[in-house]
Amino acid sequence: MMKRPKPISGLRKFVQTHRPAIKEVVREPTAGGIVYRKNRAGGVEILLIQDSKGRWTIPKGHIEDGEAARTTAEREIREETGLQKMKVGDWLGKINFRYRRADSLVLMTTEIFLVEALGDSGKIKAEEWMKSIGWLSANEALDKIEYEDIGKLILLGLKKIRNSK
């Protein structure tokens, strides 16, 4: 005679390993920037932040109602890095992320601008939720960046910086 599996334990295992169904799709428009400065030797440095999960990325945040993406990028860079003086330059592109938040699918679109740090760019300060923040050489930034699409926009930004001489 064959033993039948216990239905309760099988159900418990199924519930523990499967996520609840997606009940809504949420669109989140955001904006940010590839922030750069030139060091004393003339090399380009990129400002990256390390998020609470340890991933290196660029400063960015949610676009508020009625706010232009360019304005959001400047505001978020100021809030997230402490950098006060900057010049928001060319629009580099738009990237799309999607991720799950509980029973919602979040579709995030981020408008990215090339931003030159001005004034005392050494005075940066991470927000509490960040693990780290720092100026990295262009090569280091490309090595550390966690998102391929942002890496491509860093390369585009570097090309624009070189061509602006």
C-alpha atoms as a PDB file:
ATOM      1  CA  MET A   1       0.000   0.000   0.000  1.00  0.00           C
ATOM      2  CA  MET A   2       1.385   3.440  -1.000  1.00  0.00           C
ATOM      3  CA  LYS A   3       1.702   6.171   1.570  1.00  0.00           C
ATOM      4  CA  ARG A   4       0.016   9.394   0.616  1.00  0.00           C
ATOM      5  CA  PRO A   5       1.913  12.609   1.332  1.00  0.00           C
ATOM      6  CA  LYS A   6       0.539  14.828   4.020  1.00  0.00           C
ATOM      7  CA  PRO A   7      -1.435  17.504   2.180  1.00  0.00           C
ATOM      8  CA  ILE A   8      -0.958  20.153   4.872  1.00  0.00           C
ATOM      9  CA  SER A   9       2.848  20.064   4.801  1.00  0.00           C
ATOM     10  CA  GLY A  10       2.865  20.146   0.993  1.00  0.00           C
ATOM     11  CA  LEU A  11       0.517  23.136   1.003  1.00  0.00           C
ATOM     12  CA  ARG A  12       2.629  24.915   3.606  1.00  0.00           C
ATOM     13  CA  LYS A  13       5.750  24.409   1.497  1.00  0.00           C
ATOM     14  CA  PHE A  14       3.951  25.696  -1.620  1.00  0.00           C
ATOM     15  CA  VAL A  15       2.712  28.836   0.165  1.00  0.00           C
ATOM     16  CA  GLN A  16       6.142  29.531   1.658  1.00  0.00           C
ATOM     17  CA  THR A  17       7.942  29.257  -1.690  1.00  0.00           C
ATOM     18  CA  HIS A  18       5.436  31.048  -3.956  1.00  0.00           C
ATOM     19  CA  ARG A  19       4.751  34.754  -3.923  1.00  0.00           C
ATOM     20  CA  PRO A  20       1.222  36.119  -3.877  1.00  0.00           C
ATOM     21  CA  ALA A  21      -0.268  37.074  -7.227  1.00  0.00           C
ATOM     22  CA  ILE A  22       0.369  40.590  -8.513  1.00  0.00           C
ATOM     23  CA  LYS A  23      -2.693  42.695  -7.790  1.00  0.00           C
ATOM     24  CA  GLU A  24      -1.615  46.020  -9.250  1.00  0.00           C
ATOM     25  CA  VAL A  25       0.901  47.670 -11.531  1.00  0.00           C
ATOM     26  CA  VAL A  26       2.440  50.887 -10.220  1.00  0.00           C
ATOM     27  CA  ARG A  27       4.273  53.366 -12.443  1.00  0.00           C
ATOM     28  CA  GLU A  28       7.010  55.407 -10.773  1.00  0.00           C
ATOM     29  CA  PRO A  29       8.672  58.170 -12.803  1.00  0.00           C
ATOM     30  CA  THR A  30      12.097  59.125 -11.457  1.00  0.00           C
ATOM     31  CA  ALA A  31      15.060  61.250 -12.506  1.00  0.00           C
ATOM     32  CA  GLY A  32      18.741  61.398 -11.647  1.00  0.00           C
ATOM     33  CA  GLY A  33      22.158  62.149 -12.951  1.00  0.00           C
ATOM     34  CA  ILE A  34      25.586  60.978 -13.957  1.00  0.00           C
ATOM     35  CA  VAL A  35      27.420  63.478 -11.731  1.00  0.00           C
ATOM     36  CA  TYR A  36      31.026  64.188 -12.681  1.00  0.00           C
ATOM     37  CA  ARG A  37      33.945  66.435 -11.826  1.00  0.00           C
ATOM     38  CA  LYS A  38      37.461  66.826 -13.155  1.00  0.00           C
ATOM     39  CA  ASN A  39      40.300  66.154 -10.726  1.00  0.00           C
ATOM     40  CA  ARG A  40      43.541  68.119 -10.559  1.00  0.00           C
ATOM     41  CA  ALA A  41      45.197  65.829 -13.106  1.00  0.00           C
ATOM     42  CA  GLY A  42      42.347  66.479 -15.555  1.00  0.00           C
ATOM     43  CA  GLY A  43      40.771  63.035 -15.126  1.00  0.00           C
ATOM     44  CA  VAL A  44      37.032  62.573 -14.834  1.00  0.00           C
ATOM     45  CA  GLU A  45      35.533  61.279 -11.587  1.00  0.00           C
ATOM     46  CA  ILE A  46      31.963  60.006 -11.219  1.00  0.00           C
ATOM     47  CA  LEU A  47      29.889  60.327  -8.044  1.00  0.00           C
ATOM     48  CA  LEU A  48      28.240  57.038  -7.064  1.00  0.00           C
ATOM     49  CA  ILE A  49      26.151  56.018  -4.088  1.00  0.00           C
ATOM     50  CA  GLN A  50      25.885  52.570  -2.561  1.00  0.00           C
ATOM     51  CA  ASP A  51      22.274  51.784  -1.691  1.00  0.00           C
ATOM     52  CA  SER A  52      21.025  49.958   1.391  1.00  0.00           C
ATOM     53  CA  LYS A  53      21.401  46.609  -0.415  1.00  0.00           C
ATOM     54  CA  GLY A  54      25.046  47.319  -1.254  1.00  0.00           C
ATOM     55  CA  ARG A  55      24.517  48.087  -4.955  1.00  0.00           C
ATOM     56  CA  TRP A  56      26.441  50.977  -6.517  1.00  0.00           C
ATOM     57  CA  THR A  57      24.264  53.357  -8.515  1.00  0.00           C
ATOM     58  CA  ILE A  58      23.677  57.032  -9.306  1.00  0.00           C
ATOM     59  CA  PRO A  59      21.680  59.533  -7.267  1.00  0.00           C
ATOM     60  CA  LYS A  60      18.057  59.564  -8.394  1.00  0.00           C
ATOM     61  CA  GLY A  61      14.572  59.893  -6.991  1.00  0.00           C
ATOM     62  CA  HIS A  62      10.870  60.288  -7.605  1.00  0.00           C
ATOM     63  CA  ILE A  63       9.451  63.057  -9.762  1.00  0.00           C
ATOM     64  CA  GLU A  64       6.894  65.018  -7.762  1.00  0.00           C
ATOM     65  CA  ASP A  65       3.577  66.132  -9.278  1.00  0.00           C
ATOM     66  CA  GLY A  66       4.133  69.038 -11.647  1.00  0.00           C
ATOM     67  CA  GLU A  67       7.928  68.809 -11.404  1.00  0.00           C
ATOM     68  CA  ALA A  68      10.121  68.590 -14.512  1.00  0.00           C
ATOM     69  CA  ALA A  69      12.550  65.661 -14.723  1.00  0.00           C
ATOM     70  CA  ARG A  70      15.537  68.056 -14.934  1.00  0.00           C
ATOM     71  CA  THR A  71      14.404  69.800 -11.720  1.00  0.00           C
ATOM     72  CA  THR A  72      13.937  66.450  -9.995  1.00  0.00           C
ATOM     73  CA  ALA A  73      17.439  65.322 -10.964  1.00  0.00           C
ATOM     74  CA  GLU A  74      18.974  68.451  -9.428  1.00  0.00           C
ATOM     75  CA  ARG A  75      16.835  68.251  -6.267  1.00  0.00           C
ATOM     76  CA  GLU A  76      17.532  64.547  -5.722  1.00  0.00           C
ATOM     77  CA  ILE A  77      21.283  64.937  -6.281  1.00  0.00           C
ATOM     78  CA  ARG A  78      21.309  67.760  -3.735  1.00  0.00           C
ATOM     79  CA  GLU A  79      19.260  65.740  -1.201  1.00  0.00           C
ATOM     80  CA  GLU A  80      21.108  62.443  -1.626  1.00  0.00           C
ATOM     81  CA  THR A  81      24.686  63.709  -1.844  1.00  0.00           C
ATOM     82  CA  GLY A  82      24.816  67.103  -0.151  1.00  0.00           C
ATOM     83  CA  LEU A  83      26.315  68.545  -3.342  1.00  0.00           C
ATOM     84  CA  GLN A  84      24.998  72.101  -3.615  1.00  0.00           C
ATOM     85  CA  LYS A  85      26.449  73.605  -6.789  1.00  0.00           C
ATOM     86  CA  MET A  86      25.963  71.845 -10.094  1.00  0.00           C
ATOM     87  CA  LYS A  87      25.117  72.354 -13.729  1.00  0.00           C
ATOM     88  CA  VAL A  88      22.492  69.990 -15.109  1.00  0.00           C
ATOM     89  CA  GLY A  89      23.474  69.447 -18.718  1.00  0.00           C
ATOM     90  CA  ASP A  90      22.425  67.135 -21.518  1.00  0.00           C
ATOM     91  CA  TRP A  91      19.701  64.534 -21.214  1.00  0.00           C
ATOM     92  CA  LEU A  92      21.464  61.183 -21.662  1.00  0.00           C
ATOM     93  CA  GLY A  93      18.506  58.853 -21.895  1.00  0.00           C
ATOM     94  CA  LYS A  94      15.796  56.943 -20.146  1.00  0.00           C
ATOM     95  CA  ILE A  95      16.121  53.588 -18.422  1.00  0.00           C
ATOM     96  CA  ASN A  96      13.408  51.235 -17.260  1.00  0.00           C
ATOM     97  CA  PHE A  97      13.436  48.999 -14.211  1.00  0.00           C
ATOM     98  CA  ARG A  98      10.789  46.676 -12.940  1.00  0.00           C
ATOM     99  CA  TYR A  99      10.622  45.024  -9.591  1.00  0.00           C
ATOM    100  CA  ARG A 100       8.149  43.483  -7.233  1.00  0.00           C
ATOM    101  CA  ARG A 101       6.977  45.194  -4.052  1.00  0.00           C
ATOM    102  CA  ALA A 102       4.735  42.812  -2.069  1.00  0.00           C
ATOM    103  CA  ASP A 103       1.771  42.169  -4.397  1.00  0.00           C
ATOM    104  CA  SER A 104       2.563  45.074  -6.776  1.00  0.00           C
ATOM    105  CA  LEU A 105       4.638  45.190  -9.930  1.00  0.00           C
ATOM    106  CA  VAL A 106       6.535  48.490  -9.982  1.00  0.00           C
ATOM    107  CA  LEU A 107       7.495  49.902 -13.380  1.00  0.00           C
ATOM    108  CA  MET A 108      10.124  52.579 -12.835  1.00  0.00           C
ATOM    109  CA  THR A 109      11.266  54.909 -15.591  1.00  0.00           C
ATOM    110  CA  THR A 110      14.338  57.032 -14.853  1.00  0.00           C
ATOM    111  CA  GLU A 111      15.347  60.094 -16.876  1.00  0.00           C
ATOM    112  CA  ILE A 112      19.133  60.526 -16.683  1.00  0.00           C
ATOM    113  CA  PHE A 113      21.050  63.802 -17.158  1.00  0.00           C
ATOM    114  CA  LEU A 114      24.746  64.613 -17.337  1.00  0.00           C
ATOM    115  CA  VAL A 115      25.522  66.805 -14.321  1.00  0.00           C
ATOM    116  CA  GLU A 116      28.737  68.717 -13.678  1.00  0.00           C
ATOM    117  CA  ALA A 117      29.650  69.274 -10.027  1.00  0.00           C
ATOM    118  CA  LEU A 118      30.708  72.857  -9.353  1.00  0.00           C
ATOM    119  CA  GLY A 119      32.257  74.604  -6.365  1.00  0.00           C
ATOM    120  CA  ASP A 120      33.486  72.511  -3.449  1.00  0.00           C
ATOM    121  CA  SER A 121      32.548  69.078  -4.767  1.00  0.00           C
ATOM    122  CA  GLY A 122      34.466  67.398  -1.960  1.00  0.00           C
ATOM    123  CA  LYS A 123      31.699  68.206   0.518  1.00  0.00           C
ATOM    124  CA  ILE A 124      29.439  65.225  -0.065  1.00  0.00           C
ATOM    125  CA  LYS A 125      27.423  63.422   2.559  1.00  0.00           C
ATOM    126  CA  ALA A 126      25.522  60.148   2.327  1.00  0.00           C
ATOM    127  CA  GLU A 127      21.953  59.931   3.537  1.00  0.00           C
ATOM    128  CA  GLU A 128      21.272  57.557   6.434  1.00  0.00           C
ATOM    129  CA  TRP A 129      19.891  54.766   4.218  1.00  0.00           C
ATOM    130  CA  MET A 130      23.060  54.629   2.088  1.00  0.00           C
ATOM    131  CA  LYS A 131      25.981  52.341   2.777  1.00  0.00           C
ATOM    132  CA  SER A 132      28.505  54.610   1.060  1.00  0.00           C
ATOM    133  CA  ILE A 133      29.090  57.503  -1.323  1.00  0.00           C
ATOM    134  CA  GLY A 134      32.169  58.558  -3.211  1.00  0.00           C
ATOM    135  CA  TRP A 135      33.964  60.008  -6.182  1.00  0.00           C
ATOM    136  CA  LEU A 136      35.463  57.252  -8.311  1.00  0.00           C
ATOM    137  CA  SER A 137      37.624  57.358 -11.401  1.00  0.00           C
ATOM    138  CA  ALA A 138      35.609  56.726 -14.544  1.00  0.00           C
ATOM    139  CA  ASN A 139      37.031  53.190 -14.815  1.00  0.00           C
ATOM    140  CA  GLU A 140      36.271  52.387 -11.169  1.00  0.00           C
ATOM    141  CA  ALA A 141      32.723  53.708 -11.573  1.00  0.00           C
ATOM    142  CA  LEU A 142      32.165  51.522 -14.619  1.00  0.00           C
ATOM    143  CA  ASP A 143      33.511  48.498 -12.711  1.00  0.00           C
ATOM    144  CA  LYS A 144      31.311  49.120  -9.658  1.00  0.00           C
ATOM    145  CA  ILE A 145      28.036  50.186 -11.253  1.00  0.00           C
ATOM    146  CA  GLU A 146      25.440  47.462 -10.736  1.00  0.00           C
ATOM    147  CA  TYR A 147      23.142  48.296 -13.633  1.00  0.00           C
ATOM    148  CA  GLU A 148      24.293  47.731 -17.213  1.00  0.00           C
ATOM    149  CA  ASP A 149      21.976  50.420 -18.634  1.00  0.00           C
ATOM    150  CA  ILE A 150      23.441  53.039 -16.287  1.00  0.00           C
ATOM    151  CA  GLY A 151      26.949  51.902 -17.269  1.00  0.00           C
ATOM    152  CA  LYS A 152      26.096  52.557 -20.920  1.00  0.00           C
ATOM    153  CA  LEU A 153      24.876  56.058 -20.029  1.00  0.00           C
ATOM    154  CA  ILE A 154      28.099  56.721 -18.086  1.00  0.00           C
ATOM    155  CA  LEU A 155      30.014  55.847 -21.271  1.00  0.00           C
ATOM    156  CA  LEU A 156      27.793  58.197 -23.283  1.00  0.00           C
ATOM    157  CA  GLY A 157      28.364  60.930 -20.683  1.00  0.00           C
ATOM    158  CA  LEU A 158      32.133  60.428 -20.844  1.00  0.00           C
ATOM    159  CA  LYS A 159      32.010  60.776 -24.627  1.00  0.00           C
ATOM    160  CA  LYS A 160      30.056  64.029 -24.310  1.00  0.00           C
ATOM    161  CA  ILE A 161      32.580  65.355 -21.749  1.00  0.00           C
ATOM    162  CA  ARG A 162      35.498  64.508 -24.085  1.00  0.00           C
ATOM    163  CA  ASN A 163      33.766  66.137 -27.070  1.00  0.00           C
ATOM    164  CA  SER A 164      32.997  69.330 -25.146  1.00  0.00           C
ATOM    165  CA  LYS A 165      36.665  70.341 -24.890  1.00  0.00           C
END
